N, C-alpha and C. Protein backbone atom coordinates (compact mmCIF):
# COMPACT_ATOMS: atom_id res chain seq x y z
N MET A 1 13.37 -0.73 -22.43
CA MET A 1 12.90 -2.05 -21.92
C MET A 1 12.55 -3.34 -23.14
N THR A 2 13.89 -4.31 -22.78
CA THR A 2 13.86 -5.06 -23.34
C THR A 2 12.76 -6.42 -23.31
N GLY A 3 12.33 -7.44 -24.59
CA GLY A 3 11.27 -8.47 -24.01
C GLY A 3 11.89 -9.55 -23.73
N LYS A 4 13.09 -9.59 -23.56
CA LYS A 4 14.06 -11.06 -23.03
C LYS A 4 13.66 -11.02 -21.74
N LYS A 5 13.41 -12.64 -21.16
CA LYS A 5 13.32 -13.04 -20.34
C LYS A 5 14.58 -12.84 -19.20
N LYS A 6 14.25 -12.86 -17.95
CA LYS A 6 15.54 -12.89 -17.03
C LYS A 6 16.01 -14.17 -17.06
N PRO A 7 17.75 -14.31 -16.70
CA PRO A 7 18.00 -15.93 -16.52
C PRO A 7 17.15 -16.61 -15.65
N SER A 8 17.36 -17.44 -16.05
CA SER A 8 16.69 -18.71 -15.55
C SER A 8 17.90 -19.61 -14.68
N VAL A 9 17.58 -20.66 -13.90
CA VAL A 9 19.05 -21.01 -13.56
C VAL A 9 18.51 -22.46 -13.07
N SER A 10 18.94 -23.54 -13.72
CA SER A 10 18.52 -25.10 -13.78
C SER A 10 19.14 -25.55 -12.24
N GLU A 11 18.67 -26.36 -12.01
CA GLU A 11 18.99 -27.33 -10.88
C GLU A 11 20.41 -28.01 -11.06
N ASP A 12 20.50 -28.67 -12.37
CA ASP A 12 21.14 -29.42 -12.97
C ASP A 12 22.40 -28.80 -13.37
N ASN A 13 22.56 -27.07 -13.73
CA ASN A 13 23.27 -26.72 -13.86
C ASN A 13 24.26 -26.52 -12.66
N LEU A 14 23.24 -26.15 -11.88
CA LEU A 14 23.97 -25.85 -10.65
C LEU A 14 24.51 -26.30 -9.58
N GLY A 15 23.74 -27.92 -9.48
CA GLY A 15 23.53 -28.85 -8.46
C GLY A 15 23.22 -28.30 -6.90
N GLN A 16 22.06 -28.02 -7.37
CA GLN A 16 21.87 -27.06 -6.13
C GLN A 16 20.72 -28.53 -5.17
N SER A 17 20.85 -28.37 -3.96
CA SER A 17 19.71 -29.24 -2.53
C SER A 17 18.87 -28.46 -2.76
N ALA A 18 17.63 -28.74 -2.25
CA ALA A 18 16.58 -28.73 -2.27
C ALA A 18 16.14 -27.07 -1.36
N ASN A 19 17.15 -26.94 -0.49
CA ASN A 19 17.00 -25.67 0.34
C ASN A 19 17.39 -24.59 -0.26
N GLY A 20 18.20 -24.67 -2.00
CA GLY A 20 18.94 -23.39 -2.52
C GLY A 20 20.14 -23.64 -2.10
N ARG A 21 21.09 -24.61 -1.27
CA ARG A 21 22.25 -24.23 -1.12
C ARG A 21 22.99 -25.73 -2.39
N ALA A 22 24.27 -25.19 -2.42
CA ALA A 22 24.88 -25.82 -3.92
C ALA A 22 25.38 -27.43 -2.95
N LYS A 23 25.32 -28.45 -3.80
CA LYS A 23 25.69 -29.82 -3.69
C LYS A 23 27.25 -29.45 -3.74
N ASP A 24 28.13 -30.15 -3.68
CA ASP A 24 29.41 -30.73 -3.97
C ASP A 24 29.15 -30.93 -5.36
N ASN A 25 30.01 -30.41 -6.44
CA ASN A 25 29.74 -30.65 -7.90
C ASN A 25 31.03 -31.03 -8.09
N SER A 26 31.45 -32.13 -8.45
CA SER A 26 32.80 -32.49 -9.43
C SER A 26 33.47 -31.96 -10.63
N THR A 27 32.08 -31.59 -11.33
CA THR A 27 32.54 -30.99 -12.51
C THR A 27 33.12 -29.64 -12.65
N ALA A 28 32.31 -28.55 -11.57
CA ALA A 28 32.63 -27.12 -11.49
C ALA A 28 32.83 -26.95 -10.08
N SER A 29 33.11 -26.09 -10.07
CA SER A 29 33.70 -25.53 -8.36
C SER A 29 32.88 -24.85 -8.38
N LEU A 30 32.53 -24.28 -6.56
CA LEU A 30 31.67 -23.11 -6.47
C LEU A 30 32.16 -22.20 -7.24
N ALA A 31 33.49 -21.57 -7.72
CA ALA A 31 33.85 -20.50 -7.90
C ALA A 31 33.25 -20.25 -9.53
N GLN A 32 34.04 -21.64 -9.82
CA GLN A 32 33.38 -21.87 -11.36
C GLN A 32 31.97 -21.04 -11.91
N GLN A 33 31.06 -21.55 -10.58
CA GLN A 33 29.84 -21.72 -10.97
C GLN A 33 29.28 -19.98 -11.03
N LYS A 34 29.70 -19.68 -10.16
CA LYS A 34 29.51 -17.90 -10.00
C LYS A 34 30.15 -17.03 -10.60
N ARG A 35 31.19 -17.53 -11.11
CA ARG A 35 31.66 -16.70 -12.73
C ARG A 35 31.03 -16.65 -13.49
N VAL A 36 30.42 -18.11 -13.94
CA VAL A 36 29.48 -18.17 -14.95
C VAL A 36 28.14 -17.50 -14.91
N LEU A 37 27.58 -17.50 -13.19
CA LEU A 37 26.48 -16.60 -13.40
C LEU A 37 26.03 -15.23 -13.01
N ARG A 38 27.89 -14.70 -12.86
CA ARG A 38 27.82 -13.29 -12.72
C ARG A 38 27.81 -12.79 -14.38
N LYS A 39 28.33 -13.34 -15.21
CA LYS A 39 28.27 -12.76 -16.71
C LYS A 39 26.80 -12.77 -17.27
N GLN A 40 26.19 -14.07 -16.77
CA GLN A 40 24.66 -14.19 -17.24
C GLN A 40 23.95 -12.73 -16.58
N PHE A 41 24.17 -12.77 -15.18
CA PHE A 41 23.19 -11.81 -14.49
C PHE A 41 23.70 -10.18 -15.07
N LEU A 42 25.28 -9.96 -15.29
CA LEU A 42 25.53 -8.87 -16.16
C LEU A 42 25.06 -8.58 -17.32
N ALA A 43 24.93 -9.54 -18.14
CA ALA A 43 24.50 -9.12 -19.20
C ALA A 43 22.72 -8.87 -19.09
N ALA A 44 21.94 -9.41 -18.17
CA ALA A 44 20.40 -9.58 -18.40
C ALA A 44 20.34 -8.11 -18.01
N ARG A 45 21.11 -7.33 -16.77
CA ARG A 45 20.94 -6.04 -16.48
C ARG A 45 21.34 -5.24 -17.29
N SER A 46 22.33 -5.46 -18.03
CA SER A 46 22.45 -4.40 -19.23
C SER A 46 22.06 -4.39 -20.28
N GLU A 47 20.84 -5.45 -20.65
CA GLU A 47 19.64 -5.64 -21.49
C GLU A 47 18.72 -4.62 -21.07
N LEU A 48 18.40 -3.63 -19.88
CA LEU A 48 17.64 -2.72 -19.69
C LEU A 48 18.53 -1.37 -20.14
N SER A 49 17.30 -0.73 -20.48
CA SER A 49 18.03 0.81 -21.20
C SER A 49 17.87 1.76 -19.86
N LYS A 50 19.10 2.62 -20.37
CA LYS A 50 19.95 3.65 -19.04
C LYS A 50 18.42 4.86 -18.47
N GLN A 51 17.66 5.13 -19.62
CA GLN A 51 16.21 5.57 -19.13
C GLN A 51 14.82 4.25 -18.12
N TYR A 52 15.57 3.33 -18.81
CA TYR A 52 13.96 2.59 -17.80
C TYR A 52 14.74 2.09 -16.73
N GLN A 53 16.14 2.00 -16.82
CA GLN A 53 16.69 2.08 -15.30
C GLN A 53 16.06 2.94 -14.56
N GLY A 54 16.52 3.87 -14.79
CA GLY A 54 16.24 5.44 -14.13
C GLY A 54 14.51 4.96 -13.47
N GLN A 55 13.70 4.92 -14.11
CA GLN A 55 12.04 4.77 -13.72
C GLN A 55 12.45 3.72 -12.54
N LEU A 56 13.02 2.67 -12.76
CA LEU A 56 12.75 1.44 -12.05
C LEU A 56 13.60 1.80 -10.71
N GLY A 57 14.98 2.32 -10.67
CA GLY A 57 15.55 2.77 -9.28
C GLY A 57 14.94 3.63 -8.63
N LEU A 58 14.21 4.91 -9.42
CA LEU A 58 13.35 6.12 -8.87
C LEU A 58 12.29 4.97 -7.67
N GLN A 59 11.53 4.40 -8.52
CA GLN A 59 10.64 3.21 -7.98
C GLN A 59 10.98 2.56 -6.73
N ILE A 60 11.98 1.98 -6.55
CA ILE A 60 13.03 1.36 -5.62
C ILE A 60 13.34 2.00 -4.33
N CYS A 61 13.76 3.53 -4.87
CA CYS A 61 13.73 4.36 -3.58
C CYS A 61 12.68 4.52 -3.06
N HIS A 62 11.35 5.01 -3.90
CA HIS A 62 10.57 4.98 -3.20
C HIS A 62 10.00 4.03 -2.44
N HIS A 63 10.02 2.70 -2.82
CA HIS A 63 9.58 1.83 -2.03
C HIS A 63 10.55 1.72 -0.77
N VAL A 64 11.56 2.13 -1.16
CA VAL A 64 12.46 1.26 0.34
C VAL A 64 12.04 2.25 1.51
N GLU A 65 11.96 3.46 0.82
CA GLU A 65 11.91 5.01 1.91
C GLU A 65 10.69 5.04 2.30
N THR A 66 9.29 4.24 1.62
CA THR A 66 8.10 4.15 2.18
C THR A 66 8.03 2.84 3.25
N TRP A 67 9.09 2.07 2.93
CA TRP A 67 9.27 0.73 4.07
C TRP A 67 10.00 1.11 5.30
N LEU A 68 10.83 1.95 5.04
CA LEU A 68 11.89 1.97 6.62
C LEU A 68 10.60 2.98 7.25
N PHE A 69 9.80 4.13 6.46
CA PHE A 69 9.55 4.85 7.99
C PHE A 69 7.89 4.62 7.76
N GLU A 70 7.43 3.75 7.63
CA GLU A 70 5.96 3.87 7.29
C GLU A 70 5.74 2.16 7.84
N HIS A 71 6.22 1.32 7.80
CA HIS A 71 6.14 -0.09 7.00
C HIS A 71 7.21 -0.80 8.33
N ASN A 72 7.92 -0.19 8.71
CA ASN A 72 9.39 -0.87 9.43
C ASN A 72 8.78 -0.78 10.96
N THR A 73 8.49 -2.50 11.67
CA THR A 73 8.22 -2.32 12.66
C THR A 73 9.46 -2.06 13.81
N LYS A 74 10.57 -2.01 13.94
CA LYS A 74 11.73 -1.75 14.86
C LYS A 74 11.12 -0.31 15.92
N THR A 75 11.45 -0.67 16.54
CA THR A 75 10.62 0.75 17.77
C THR A 75 11.79 1.69 18.33
N THR A 76 13.34 1.45 17.35
CA THR A 76 14.10 2.02 17.39
C THR A 76 13.97 3.28 16.55
N PRO A 77 14.49 4.45 16.18
CA PRO A 77 14.64 5.59 15.59
C PRO A 77 15.99 5.06 14.02
N ILE A 78 15.78 4.61 13.30
CA ILE A 78 16.47 4.74 12.55
C ILE A 78 17.38 6.29 12.01
N ARG A 79 18.76 6.30 12.24
CA ARG A 79 19.54 7.37 12.45
C ARG A 79 20.56 7.73 11.80
N THR A 80 21.14 6.00 10.86
CA THR A 80 22.17 5.80 10.34
C THR A 80 21.94 4.98 8.72
N VAL A 81 21.80 5.04 7.63
CA VAL A 81 21.57 4.19 6.75
C VAL A 81 23.00 4.17 6.01
N ALA A 82 23.11 2.72 5.67
CA ALA A 82 24.89 2.80 4.82
C ALA A 82 23.94 2.07 3.28
N LEU A 83 24.69 2.89 2.46
CA LEU A 83 24.18 3.10 1.05
C LEU A 83 25.37 2.72 0.49
N TYR A 84 25.34 2.70 -1.10
CA TYR A 84 26.57 2.16 -2.10
C TYR A 84 26.53 3.59 -3.54
N ALA A 85 27.36 3.56 -3.83
CA ALA A 85 27.56 4.64 -5.24
C ALA A 85 27.16 3.74 -6.25
N ALA A 86 26.17 3.92 -7.02
CA ALA A 86 25.97 3.04 -7.73
C ALA A 86 27.41 2.81 -9.20
N MET A 87 27.55 2.22 -9.35
CA MET A 87 28.65 1.93 -10.64
C MET A 87 27.95 0.97 -11.89
N GLY A 88 27.67 1.68 -12.97
CA GLY A 88 27.52 0.66 -14.13
C GLY A 88 25.89 0.92 -14.27
N ASP A 89 25.26 -0.34 -14.37
CA ASP A 89 24.12 -0.80 -14.37
C ASP A 89 23.63 -0.73 -12.85
N GLU A 90 23.80 -0.96 -12.00
CA GLU A 90 23.09 -0.67 -10.97
C GLU A 90 22.24 0.05 -10.50
N VAL A 91 21.41 -0.10 -8.87
CA VAL A 91 20.56 0.51 -8.52
C VAL A 91 21.14 2.16 -8.52
N ASP A 92 20.61 2.91 -8.93
CA ASP A 92 21.09 4.17 -8.33
C ASP A 92 20.35 4.47 -7.40
N LEU A 93 20.70 5.03 -5.92
CA LEU A 93 20.22 5.24 -4.80
C LEU A 93 20.60 6.44 -4.71
N GLN A 94 21.17 7.27 -5.38
CA GLN A 94 21.25 8.54 -4.98
C GLN A 94 19.72 9.74 -4.70
N PRO A 95 18.66 9.47 -5.50
CA PRO A 95 17.39 9.56 -4.65
C PRO A 95 16.91 9.19 -3.51
N LEU A 96 17.08 8.64 -3.14
CA LEU A 96 17.20 7.77 -1.49
C LEU A 96 18.11 8.94 -0.78
N ALA A 97 18.86 8.66 -0.86
CA ALA A 97 20.18 9.17 -0.08
C ALA A 97 19.85 10.78 0.27
N GLN A 98 19.70 11.39 -0.94
CA GLN A 98 18.88 13.02 -0.68
C GLN A 98 18.15 12.93 0.36
N SER A 99 17.42 12.06 0.09
CA SER A 99 16.07 11.99 1.19
C SER A 99 16.23 12.14 2.13
N LEU A 100 17.07 11.21 2.46
CA LEU A 100 17.51 10.60 3.65
C LEU A 100 17.99 11.67 4.58
N ARG A 101 19.29 12.29 3.73
CA ARG A 101 19.46 13.57 4.62
C ARG A 101 18.91 14.55 5.13
N ALA A 102 17.61 14.60 3.83
CA ALA A 102 16.88 15.59 4.40
C ALA A 102 15.63 15.45 5.52
N ARG A 103 15.85 14.10 6.19
CA ARG A 103 15.45 13.74 7.11
C ARG A 103 16.07 13.61 8.52
N GLY A 104 17.15 14.33 8.15
CA GLY A 104 18.34 14.32 9.09
C GLY A 104 19.10 13.11 9.97
N ILE A 105 19.46 12.20 8.46
CA ILE A 105 19.53 10.78 8.93
C ILE A 105 21.26 10.72 7.95
N VAL A 106 22.11 10.07 8.78
CA VAL A 106 23.16 9.72 7.80
C VAL A 106 23.53 8.92 6.95
N THR A 107 23.96 9.34 5.95
CA THR A 107 23.90 8.58 5.39
C THR A 107 25.81 7.77 4.78
N ALA A 108 25.84 7.06 4.79
CA ALA A 108 27.47 5.83 4.94
C ALA A 108 27.96 5.65 3.95
N TYR A 109 28.61 5.55 3.23
CA TYR A 109 29.57 4.98 2.23
C TYR A 109 30.30 4.26 2.42
N PRO A 110 30.80 2.92 1.43
CA PRO A 110 31.67 1.96 2.23
C PRO A 110 33.41 2.55 0.78
N LYS A 111 33.60 2.44 1.80
CA LYS A 111 35.25 2.39 1.48
C LYS A 111 36.64 1.32 1.57
N CYS A 112 36.47 0.39 0.93
CA CYS A 112 37.46 -0.87 0.86
C CYS A 112 39.01 -0.66 1.05
N TYR A 113 39.54 -1.67 1.54
CA TYR A 113 40.65 -2.08 2.07
C TYR A 113 41.04 -3.29 1.87
N SER A 114 42.94 -3.25 2.13
CA SER A 114 43.42 -4.59 1.77
C SER A 114 42.30 -5.63 2.75
N GLN A 115 43.02 -6.69 2.34
CA GLN A 115 42.22 -8.09 3.29
C GLN A 115 40.52 -8.03 3.44
N ARG A 116 40.15 -7.51 2.17
CA ARG A 116 38.96 -7.60 2.40
C ARG A 116 38.31 -6.62 3.06
N ASN A 117 38.72 -5.84 4.15
CA ASN A 117 38.10 -4.94 4.89
C ASN A 117 37.55 -4.14 4.48
N MET A 118 36.09 -3.27 5.12
CA MET A 118 35.62 -2.18 4.27
C MET A 118 35.02 -1.73 5.90
N SER A 119 35.04 0.20 5.74
CA SER A 119 35.00 0.64 6.59
C SER A 119 33.79 1.92 5.82
N PHE A 120 33.09 2.45 7.09
CA PHE A 120 31.96 3.46 6.07
C PHE A 120 31.86 5.03 6.77
N TYR A 121 32.17 5.99 5.89
CA TYR A 121 31.89 6.72 6.32
C TYR A 121 30.63 7.71 6.31
N ASN A 122 30.47 8.81 6.49
CA ASN A 122 29.34 9.90 6.41
C ASN A 122 29.76 10.74 5.06
N VAL A 123 28.85 10.87 4.54
CA VAL A 123 29.03 11.75 2.72
C VAL A 123 27.69 12.39 2.81
N ASN A 124 27.62 13.59 2.42
CA ASN A 124 26.71 14.39 2.40
C ASN A 124 26.80 14.75 0.50
N SER A 125 27.01 14.40 -0.38
CA SER A 125 26.96 14.50 -1.39
C SER A 125 27.92 13.54 -2.28
N LEU A 126 27.32 13.33 -3.21
CA LEU A 126 28.26 12.02 -4.31
C LEU A 126 29.61 12.60 -4.74
N GLU A 127 29.54 13.81 -4.59
CA GLU A 127 30.71 14.94 -5.34
C GLU A 127 31.95 14.31 -4.08
N GLU A 128 31.87 14.04 -3.10
CA GLU A 128 33.01 13.87 -1.97
C GLU A 128 33.33 12.47 -2.51
N LEU A 129 32.88 11.70 -3.33
CA LEU A 129 33.39 10.52 -3.61
C LEU A 129 34.65 10.37 -4.58
N THR A 130 35.53 9.73 -4.85
CA THR A 130 36.33 9.39 -5.89
C THR A 130 36.56 8.08 -6.23
N PRO A 131 37.24 8.11 -7.74
CA PRO A 131 37.05 6.37 -7.84
C PRO A 131 38.20 5.87 -7.39
N SER A 132 38.42 4.27 -6.52
CA SER A 132 39.12 3.66 -5.95
C SER A 132 40.00 3.26 -7.32
N SER A 133 40.90 2.07 -6.84
CA SER A 133 41.81 1.32 -8.07
C SER A 133 40.85 0.61 -8.49
N PHE A 134 39.95 0.47 -8.63
CA PHE A 134 39.12 -1.07 -8.81
C PHE A 134 38.02 0.31 -10.11
N GLY A 135 37.88 1.28 -9.43
CA GLY A 135 36.68 1.97 -10.15
C GLY A 135 35.46 2.19 -9.58
N VAL A 136 35.89 1.93 -8.40
CA VAL A 136 34.65 2.52 -7.26
C VAL A 136 34.01 3.36 -6.44
N PRO A 137 33.24 4.68 -7.09
CA PRO A 137 33.20 5.24 -6.33
C PRO A 137 33.43 5.51 -4.79
N GLU A 138 34.23 5.99 -4.01
CA GLU A 138 34.31 5.79 -2.33
C GLU A 138 34.49 7.34 -2.06
N PRO A 139 34.57 7.21 -0.06
CA PRO A 139 34.78 8.40 0.42
C PRO A 139 36.01 8.57 0.22
N PRO A 140 36.70 9.66 1.01
CA PRO A 140 38.46 9.78 1.03
C PRO A 140 38.85 8.79 2.22
N GLY A 141 37.89 8.67 3.11
CA GLY A 141 38.24 8.20 4.61
C GLY A 141 38.65 8.84 5.19
N HIS A 142 38.48 10.04 5.38
CA HIS A 142 38.61 11.05 6.73
C HIS A 142 38.09 10.48 8.39
N GLU A 143 39.06 10.58 9.32
CA GLU A 143 38.61 10.00 10.25
C GLU A 143 37.94 10.65 10.66
N SER A 144 37.72 11.72 10.42
CA SER A 144 36.35 12.98 11.26
C SER A 144 34.89 12.29 10.83
N ARG A 145 34.76 11.72 9.27
CA ARG A 145 33.81 11.13 9.08
C ARG A 145 33.53 9.84 8.78
N TYR A 146 34.57 9.48 9.85
CA TYR A 146 34.26 7.43 10.22
C TYR A 146 32.95 7.32 10.90
N VAL A 147 32.30 6.76 10.24
CA VAL A 147 30.98 5.95 10.71
C VAL A 147 31.23 4.43 11.62
N ASP A 148 30.89 4.69 13.06
CA ASP A 148 31.39 3.15 13.69
C ASP A 148 30.22 2.28 13.50
N GLU A 149 30.53 0.76 12.96
CA GLU A 149 29.83 0.10 12.52
C GLU A 149 28.58 -0.22 13.47
N GLN A 150 28.58 0.52 14.63
CA GLN A 150 27.49 -0.50 15.86
C GLN A 150 26.56 0.93 15.67
N SER A 151 27.02 2.16 14.77
CA SER A 151 25.72 2.96 15.05
C SER A 151 25.04 2.53 13.37
N ILE A 152 25.14 1.81 12.91
CA ILE A 152 24.33 1.80 11.18
C ILE A 152 23.16 0.48 11.65
N ASP A 153 21.86 1.53 11.56
CA ASP A 153 20.89 0.85 11.65
C ASP A 153 20.07 0.06 10.31
N VAL A 154 20.50 0.18 9.63
CA VAL A 154 20.27 -0.22 7.96
C VAL A 154 21.51 -0.61 7.14
N MET A 155 21.28 -1.38 6.53
CA MET A 155 22.73 -1.43 5.27
C MET A 155 22.00 -1.72 3.82
N LEU A 156 21.87 -1.25 2.96
CA LEU A 156 21.23 -1.51 1.31
C LEU A 156 22.38 -1.47 0.44
N ILE A 157 22.21 -3.26 0.33
CA ILE A 157 23.56 -4.02 -0.02
C ILE A 157 23.40 -3.74 -1.89
N PRO A 158 24.43 -3.66 -2.37
CA PRO A 158 24.12 -4.02 -3.90
C PRO A 158 24.41 -5.66 -4.35
N GLY A 159 24.35 -6.17 -5.46
CA GLY A 159 24.04 -7.29 -5.94
C GLY A 159 23.58 -7.66 -7.39
N LEU A 160 24.04 -9.03 -7.63
CA LEU A 160 24.09 -9.54 -9.38
C LEU A 160 22.74 -10.41 -9.26
N ALA A 161 22.66 -10.80 -8.16
CA ALA A 161 21.52 -11.33 -8.07
C ALA A 161 21.10 -11.83 -6.77
N TYR A 162 19.94 -12.55 -6.61
CA TYR A 162 19.43 -12.51 -5.17
C TYR A 162 18.40 -14.01 -5.35
N THR A 163 18.52 -14.71 -4.30
CA THR A 163 16.96 -15.40 -4.27
C THR A 163 16.10 -14.85 -3.04
N LEU A 164 14.98 -15.35 -3.21
CA LEU A 164 13.47 -15.09 -2.31
C LEU A 164 13.84 -15.34 -0.66
N ASP A 165 14.92 -16.22 -0.36
CA ASP A 165 15.22 -16.43 0.55
C ASP A 165 16.74 -15.87 1.33
N GLY A 166 16.79 -14.73 0.51
CA GLY A 166 18.27 -13.85 0.79
C GLY A 166 19.54 -14.16 0.46
N LEU A 167 20.09 -15.26 -0.59
CA LEU A 167 21.24 -15.44 -1.01
C LEU A 167 21.85 -14.06 -1.98
N ARG A 168 22.49 -14.22 -2.08
CA ARG A 168 23.31 -13.26 -2.99
C ARG A 168 24.17 -13.51 -3.64
N LEU A 169 24.27 -13.13 -4.92
CA LEU A 169 25.59 -13.24 -5.38
C LEU A 169 25.79 -11.87 -5.74
N GLY A 170 27.53 -11.94 -5.19
CA GLY A 170 28.25 -10.43 -5.29
C GLY A 170 29.41 -10.34 -6.56
N TYR A 171 29.86 -9.90 -6.46
CA TYR A 171 31.07 -9.48 -7.55
C TYR A 171 32.35 -10.08 -7.22
N GLY A 172 32.53 -11.06 -6.08
CA GLY A 172 33.43 -11.73 -5.46
C GLY A 172 34.14 -11.37 -4.84
N GLY A 173 34.72 -9.76 -4.28
CA GLY A 173 35.30 -9.62 -3.77
C GLY A 173 35.39 -9.91 -2.51
N GLY A 174 33.91 -10.07 -1.66
CA GLY A 174 33.93 -10.78 -0.44
C GLY A 174 33.88 -9.72 0.87
N PHE A 175 33.71 -8.09 0.10
CA PHE A 175 33.69 -7.46 1.43
C PHE A 175 32.87 -7.18 2.12
N TYR A 176 31.39 -7.33 1.38
CA TYR A 176 30.09 -7.14 2.12
C TYR A 176 30.48 -8.74 3.19
N ASP A 177 30.40 -9.46 2.46
CA ASP A 177 30.45 -11.15 3.35
C ASP A 177 31.26 -10.79 4.50
N LYS A 178 32.36 -10.12 4.73
CA LYS A 178 33.45 -10.31 5.45
C LYS A 178 32.96 -8.94 6.39
N PHE A 179 32.47 -8.49 6.04
CA PHE A 179 31.68 -7.39 6.80
C PHE A 179 30.63 -7.41 7.59
N LEU A 180 29.86 -8.03 7.33
CA LEU A 180 28.55 -8.63 8.13
C LEU A 180 28.66 -10.16 8.78
N SER A 181 29.71 -10.56 8.68
CA SER A 181 29.98 -11.92 9.39
C SER A 181 30.89 -11.60 10.33
N HIS A 182 31.61 -10.75 10.42
CA HIS A 182 32.32 -10.06 11.58
C HIS A 182 31.74 -9.15 12.68
N SER A 183 30.76 -8.17 11.69
CA SER A 183 30.11 -7.54 12.80
C SER A 183 28.88 -8.16 14.13
N GLY A 184 29.40 -7.21 15.65
CA GLY A 184 27.95 -8.06 16.24
C GLY A 184 27.15 -7.66 16.08
N ARG A 185 26.94 -6.44 14.91
CA ARG A 185 25.41 -5.92 15.03
C ARG A 185 24.65 -6.46 14.09
N ALA A 186 23.39 -6.62 14.90
CA ALA A 186 22.71 -7.07 13.89
C ALA A 186 21.59 -6.23 12.69
N TYR A 187 22.20 -5.81 11.99
CA TYR A 187 21.39 -4.84 10.53
C TYR A 187 20.51 -5.17 10.16
N THR A 188 19.57 -4.52 9.65
CA THR A 188 19.18 -4.92 8.83
C THR A 188 19.28 -4.81 7.33
N ARG A 189 19.50 -5.98 6.83
CA ARG A 189 20.04 -5.77 5.60
C ARG A 189 18.71 -5.89 4.39
N ILE A 190 18.99 -5.09 3.44
CA ILE A 190 18.13 -4.93 2.49
C ILE A 190 18.82 -5.13 0.62
N GLY A 191 18.45 -6.17 0.46
CA GLY A 191 19.64 -6.30 -0.99
C GLY A 191 18.80 -5.45 -2.11
N ILE A 192 19.36 -5.03 -2.32
CA ILE A 192 19.15 -3.96 -3.62
C ILE A 192 19.23 -4.76 -5.48
N ALA A 193 18.22 -4.50 -5.83
CA ALA A 193 17.95 -5.04 -7.18
C ALA A 193 16.66 -4.69 -8.00
N TYR A 194 17.06 -5.27 -9.50
CA TYR A 194 16.18 -5.30 -10.38
C TYR A 194 15.24 -6.38 -10.12
N ASP A 195 14.04 -6.30 -10.49
CA ASP A 195 13.44 -7.90 -10.51
C ASP A 195 14.03 -8.74 -10.96
N ARG A 196 14.46 -8.56 -12.66
CA ARG A 196 15.19 -9.62 -13.29
C ARG A 196 16.04 -10.30 -12.62
N GLN A 197 16.85 -9.57 -11.59
CA GLN A 197 18.11 -10.22 -10.88
C GLN A 197 17.57 -10.97 -9.82
N LEU A 198 16.08 -11.13 -9.73
CA LEU A 198 15.88 -12.54 -8.66
C LEU A 198 16.06 -13.98 -9.30
N THR A 199 16.16 -14.54 -8.60
CA THR A 199 16.43 -16.38 -8.98
C THR A 199 15.72 -17.19 -8.00
N ALA A 200 15.54 -18.32 -8.38
CA ALA A 200 15.24 -19.41 -7.88
C ALA A 200 16.42 -19.91 -6.97
N ARG A 201 17.34 -20.30 -7.70
CA ARG A 201 18.73 -20.94 -6.63
C ARG A 201 19.70 -20.15 -6.93
N LEU A 202 20.88 -20.03 -6.05
CA LEU A 202 22.29 -19.79 -6.01
C LEU A 202 23.02 -20.85 -5.60
N PRO A 203 23.82 -20.85 -5.95
CA PRO A 203 25.01 -21.80 -5.14
C PRO A 203 25.60 -21.00 -4.16
N CYS A 204 26.26 -21.55 -3.53
CA CYS A 204 26.21 -20.75 -1.98
C CYS A 204 27.42 -21.60 -0.77
N GLY A 205 28.53 -21.08 -0.88
CA GLY A 205 29.28 -21.58 0.54
C GLY A 205 29.45 -21.00 1.63
N PRO A 206 30.03 -21.48 2.74
CA PRO A 206 30.17 -21.25 3.93
C PRO A 206 30.43 -19.54 4.15
N LEU A 207 30.88 -19.19 3.48
CA LEU A 207 31.48 -17.58 4.02
C LEU A 207 29.96 -16.78 3.16
N ASP A 208 28.88 -16.95 2.95
CA ASP A 208 28.18 -16.24 1.63
C ASP A 208 26.93 -15.92 3.07
N GLU A 209 26.89 -14.67 3.35
CA GLU A 209 25.87 -13.85 3.90
C GLU A 209 24.63 -13.99 2.97
N ARG A 210 23.48 -13.53 3.82
CA ARG A 210 22.29 -13.84 3.75
C ARG A 210 21.79 -12.17 3.89
N VAL A 211 20.29 -11.42 3.08
CA VAL A 211 20.16 -10.16 3.63
C VAL A 211 18.33 -10.86 4.38
N SER A 212 18.27 -9.52 4.65
CA SER A 212 16.99 -10.39 5.41
C SER A 212 15.60 -9.65 4.62
N TYR A 213 15.70 -8.57 3.88
CA TYR A 213 14.68 -8.47 2.77
C TYR A 213 15.59 -7.83 1.70
N LEU A 214 14.79 -7.88 0.90
CA LEU A 214 14.93 -7.82 -0.94
C LEU A 214 13.83 -6.26 -0.94
N ALA A 215 14.80 -5.68 -2.35
CA ALA A 215 14.18 -4.74 -1.99
C ALA A 215 13.84 -4.07 -4.41
N THR A 216 13.21 -4.56 -4.85
CA THR A 216 12.94 -4.10 -5.95
C THR A 216 11.82 -3.75 -6.39
N GLU A 217 11.60 -3.07 -7.66
CA GLU A 217 10.75 -2.13 -8.10
C GLU A 217 9.42 -2.47 -7.76
N LYS A 218 8.61 -3.77 -7.51
CA LYS A 218 8.15 -4.24 -7.12
C LYS A 218 7.77 -3.84 -5.70
N GLY A 219 8.45 -4.00 -5.21
CA GLY A 219 8.51 -3.35 -3.10
C GLY A 219 9.67 -4.03 -2.68
N VAL A 220 9.32 -4.24 -0.93
CA VAL A 220 10.35 -4.44 -0.32
C VAL A 220 9.48 -5.68 0.17
N ARG A 221 9.93 -7.14 0.35
CA ARG A 221 9.67 -8.20 0.78
C ARG A 221 10.76 -8.46 1.75
N SER A 222 10.22 -9.75 2.88
CA SER A 222 10.92 -10.10 3.91
C SER A 222 11.52 -11.83 3.14
N CYS A 223 12.49 -11.84 3.71
CA CYS A 223 13.09 -13.42 3.11
C CYS A 223 13.04 -14.18 3.90
N THR A 224 12.24 -14.31 5.55
CA THR A 224 12.24 -15.01 5.80
C THR A 224 10.64 -15.92 5.64
């Protein structure tokens, strides 16, 4: 671990309003602001050593599992959890996925298609995944393993940065935003990140979706 501070975001740089949403900015577009921030948060995340990332990842997996099965107030049982296969310096959720499968819970992973469409498939091992054209590990997309979006109870969502009230900075593809906005199901949305990826404010557009909870090495917290 390095001693560097996680990146700070100034209100002047982002043209933020008091509620954390971006104002119109004549000198920089929303997309430009996001591009700058992506570079900052990618750099900040990469400063963590692989060993330390692994340690933090185990803590995050433990916190999420504890929250799901000990502190979650949902009256209906959790049967299907949507995860992601970690790329680069993302939080690795494989230990959690293995534990969920041991409990008999379906672990669903995303596959991206054209027009920013995304579907989920039942995956029993990361060995089933192959890199997409973007290098993202994805399931093969067999119809027999398709998971209906209405059956997903919890979604664990990757991101480059989050605010405490649930705004998310993704990678720019828009897949999660479109999926969440078009689905008629009220998923429990948990943003997954290292604590250094949390920030006071982020630029936000009309298509950006929020998460309900944040999970870091410090625990799971509500965004409301």
